[in-house]
Amino acid sequence: MVLAAKMDEFGRGGWIAAMILAFWVFWPLGLALLAFLLFSGRLRACTPNGAGPNGAGRWHNMEGRGGWCGGGRGRWNRPPASGNAAFDDYRAETLRRLEEEQQEFLAYLERLRRAKDKAEFDQFMAERRNRPSEPEAPPASA
C-alpha cells in the first residue's frame, strides 16, 4: 500500500483526480478505485486525525471515535471536547434541551396542520350538506 500512502499526501483531490483518470483509461479500473475509496473511508466528509503520514487515512467523527460522522445521534454533530468539563456538560445539556424543543415544535406544527385540514374538511362537508338539491329531470317521453 505504498501507492495509497503516496496518494494520501495529495488528499481527497488527488484521489478524485486518480479516479477520474482511471475511469477515462479503463472504466473497470475506475470502478475498482471508487470501491476502494468508499470502503477505505478516504472519501468521508470528516477530517483526518492529525496531519502528516501518521494521521493520513485514519478518519474520526466529530466525537473522536472512528466510524461515520456524527455517530447517528441527534440532528447535529457533536463538537469535540473543549477540555473544560463544566462547559462540556453545559453544552451537552443545552443541545439536548434544544433537540427536545425542536421535537416539541415539530409535533406542534403537525397538530396545527391536522387542525387546519380538519377545519377545511368540515367546511367542505357542511357546504355539501347545505347545497340545494338539484331538481330531477322530467322523464323522457317516447
Protein backbone atom coordinates (compact mmCIF):
# COMPACT_ATOMS: atom_id res chain seq x y z
CA MET A 1 0.00 0.00 0.00
CA VAL A 2 2.92 2.33 -0.65
CA LEU A 3 0.98 3.81 -3.56
CA ALA A 4 -2.02 4.53 -1.30
CA ALA A 5 0.27 6.25 1.22
CA LYS A 6 1.70 8.43 -1.56
CA MET A 7 -1.80 9.30 -2.79
CA ASP A 8 -2.87 10.21 0.76
CA GLU A 9 -0.29 13.02 0.64
CA PHE A 10 -2.32 14.65 -2.16
CA GLY A 11 -5.53 14.40 -0.14
CA ARG A 12 -9.07 13.95 -1.38
CA GLY A 13 -8.48 15.95 -4.57
CA GLY A 14 -5.68 13.64 -5.62
CA TRP A 15 -7.84 10.58 -5.08
CA ILE A 16 -10.70 12.09 -7.08
CA ALA A 17 -8.35 13.02 -9.93
CA ALA A 18 -6.90 9.49 -9.95
CA MET A 19 -10.39 8.01 -10.03
CA ILE A 20 -11.44 10.21 -12.96
CA LEU A 21 -8.27 9.30 -14.83
CA ALA A 22 -8.86 5.61 -14.12
CA PHE A 23 -12.43 5.86 -15.46
CA TRP A 24 -11.10 7.59 -18.57
CA VAL A 25 -8.40 4.96 -19.21
CA PHE A 26 -10.36 1.78 -18.37
CA TRP A 27 -13.76 2.00 -16.67
CA PRO A 28 -13.46 -1.23 -14.58
CA LEU A 29 -10.27 0.19 -13.09
CA GLY A 30 -12.13 3.39 -12.19
CA LEU A 31 -14.93 1.38 -10.65
CA ALA A 32 -12.44 -0.64 -8.60
CA LEU A 33 -10.77 2.57 -7.39
CA LEU A 34 -14.16 4.05 -6.45
CA ALA A 35 -14.99 0.93 -4.42
CA PHE A 36 -11.60 1.12 -2.71
CA LEU A 37 -12.12 4.78 -1.83
CA LEU A 38 -15.59 4.18 -0.44
CA PHE A 39 -14.69 1.13 1.64
CA SER A 40 -11.40 2.53 2.93
CA GLY A 41 -13.13 5.70 4.14
CA ARG A 42 -10.95 8.08 2.15
CA LEU A 43 -13.95 9.98 0.75
CA ARG A 44 -15.80 10.57 4.01
CA ALA A 45 -16.77 14.11 4.96
CA CYS A 46 -14.88 14.04 8.28
CA THR A 47 -11.37 15.30 8.77
CA PRO A 48 -8.35 13.09 9.41
CA ASN A 49 -6.98 12.84 12.92
CA GLY A 50 -3.66 14.59 12.89
CA ALA A 51 -1.53 15.75 9.99
CA GLY A 52 1.20 14.04 8.05
CA PRO A 53 1.73 10.40 7.17
CA ASN A 54 0.73 9.02 10.60
CA GLY A 55 -2.68 10.69 10.57
CA ALA A 56 -3.45 10.23 6.88
CA GLY A 57 -6.15 7.69 6.24
CA ARG A 58 -7.20 7.46 9.90
CA TRP A 59 -10.63 9.10 9.94
CA HIS A 60 -12.63 10.06 13.01
CA ASN A 61 -16.04 11.51 13.54
CA MET A 62 -16.67 14.70 15.49
CA GLU A 63 -16.73 12.81 18.80
CA GLY A 64 -13.25 11.40 18.29
CA ARG A 65 -14.34 7.82 17.59
CA GLY A 66 -13.82 6.04 14.31
CA GLY A 67 -16.78 5.38 12.08
CA TRP A 68 -19.42 7.50 10.42
CA CYS A 69 -19.58 11.22 11.10
CA GLY A 70 -21.91 12.31 13.86
CA GLY A 71 -22.37 8.84 15.31
CA GLY A 72 -26.03 8.82 14.25
CA ARG A 73 -27.18 10.52 17.45
CA GLY A 74 -29.33 13.60 17.19
CA ARG A 75 -29.57 16.11 14.43
CA TRP A 76 -26.29 17.96 14.97
CA ASN A 77 -22.79 16.58 15.04
CA ARG A 78 -21.28 16.80 18.48
CA PRO A 79 -18.23 19.07 18.70
CA PRO A 80 -15.05 17.69 20.22
CA ALA A 81 -14.45 18.11 23.93
CA SER A 82 -13.16 21.53 24.92
CA GLY A 83 -11.17 20.29 27.89
CA ASN A 84 -13.41 22.10 30.38
CA ALA A 85 -15.75 19.52 31.93
CA ALA A 86 -18.24 22.10 33.25
CA PHE A 87 -18.57 23.76 29.86
CA ASP A 88 -18.87 20.40 28.09
CA ASP A 89 -21.69 19.39 30.47
CA TYR A 90 -23.46 22.72 29.94
CA ARG A 91 -23.12 22.42 26.15
CA ALA A 92 -24.40 18.82 26.15
CA GLU A 93 -27.40 19.79 28.30
CA THR A 94 -28.17 22.81 26.12
CA LEU A 95 -28.00 20.73 22.92
CA ARG A 96 -30.24 18.07 24.47
CA ARG A 97 -32.76 20.72 25.52
CA LEU A 98 -32.71 22.29 22.05
CA GLU A 99 -33.32 18.90 20.43
CA GLU A 100 -36.28 18.32 22.77
CA GLU A 101 -37.69 21.77 21.96
CA GLN A 102 -37.28 21.06 18.26
CA GLN A 103 -39.22 17.79 18.59
CA GLU A 104 -41.97 19.57 20.55
CA PHE A 105 -42.16 22.32 17.92
CA LEU A 106 -42.39 19.78 15.08
CA ALA A 107 -45.19 17.99 16.96
CA TYR A 108 -46.96 21.35 17.42
CA LEU A 109 -46.69 22.10 13.69
CA GLU A 110 -48.14 18.67 12.90
CA ARG A 111 -51.10 19.33 15.23
CA LEU A 112 -51.66 22.69 13.51
CA ARG A 113 -51.64 21.05 10.08
CA ARG A 114 -54.10 18.40 11.22
CA ALA A 115 -56.42 21.02 12.76
CA LYS A 116 -56.36 23.08 9.56
CA ASP A 117 -57.05 20.01 7.44
CA LYS A 118 -59.93 19.02 9.72
CA ALA A 119 -61.43 22.52 9.61
CA GLU A 120 -61.22 22.58 5.80
CA PHE A 121 -62.79 19.13 5.56
CA ASP A 122 -65.59 20.06 7.99
CA GLN A 123 -66.30 23.21 5.95
CA PHE A 124 -66.44 21.15 2.74
CA MET A 125 -68.87 18.66 4.29
CA ALA A 126 -71.07 21.47 5.66
CA GLU A 127 -71.24 23.13 2.24
CA ARG A 128 -72.04 19.80 0.64
CA ARG A 129 -74.88 19.10 3.11
CA ASN A 130 -76.35 22.59 2.75
CA ARG A 131 -76.31 22.95 -1.01
CA PRO A 132 -79.75 22.86 -2.63
CA SER A 133 -80.72 19.61 -4.21
CA GLU A 134 -80.88 19.63 -7.97
CA PRO A 135 -84.37 19.33 -9.47
CA GLU A 136 -84.95 15.98 -11.01
CA ALA A 137 -85.09 15.89 -14.77
CA PRO A 138 -88.52 15.13 -16.22
CA PRO A 139 -88.85 11.62 -17.54
CA ALA A 140 -88.21 11.31 -21.23
CA SER A 141 -91.34 10.54 -23.18
CA ALA A 142 -91.16 8.28 -26.09
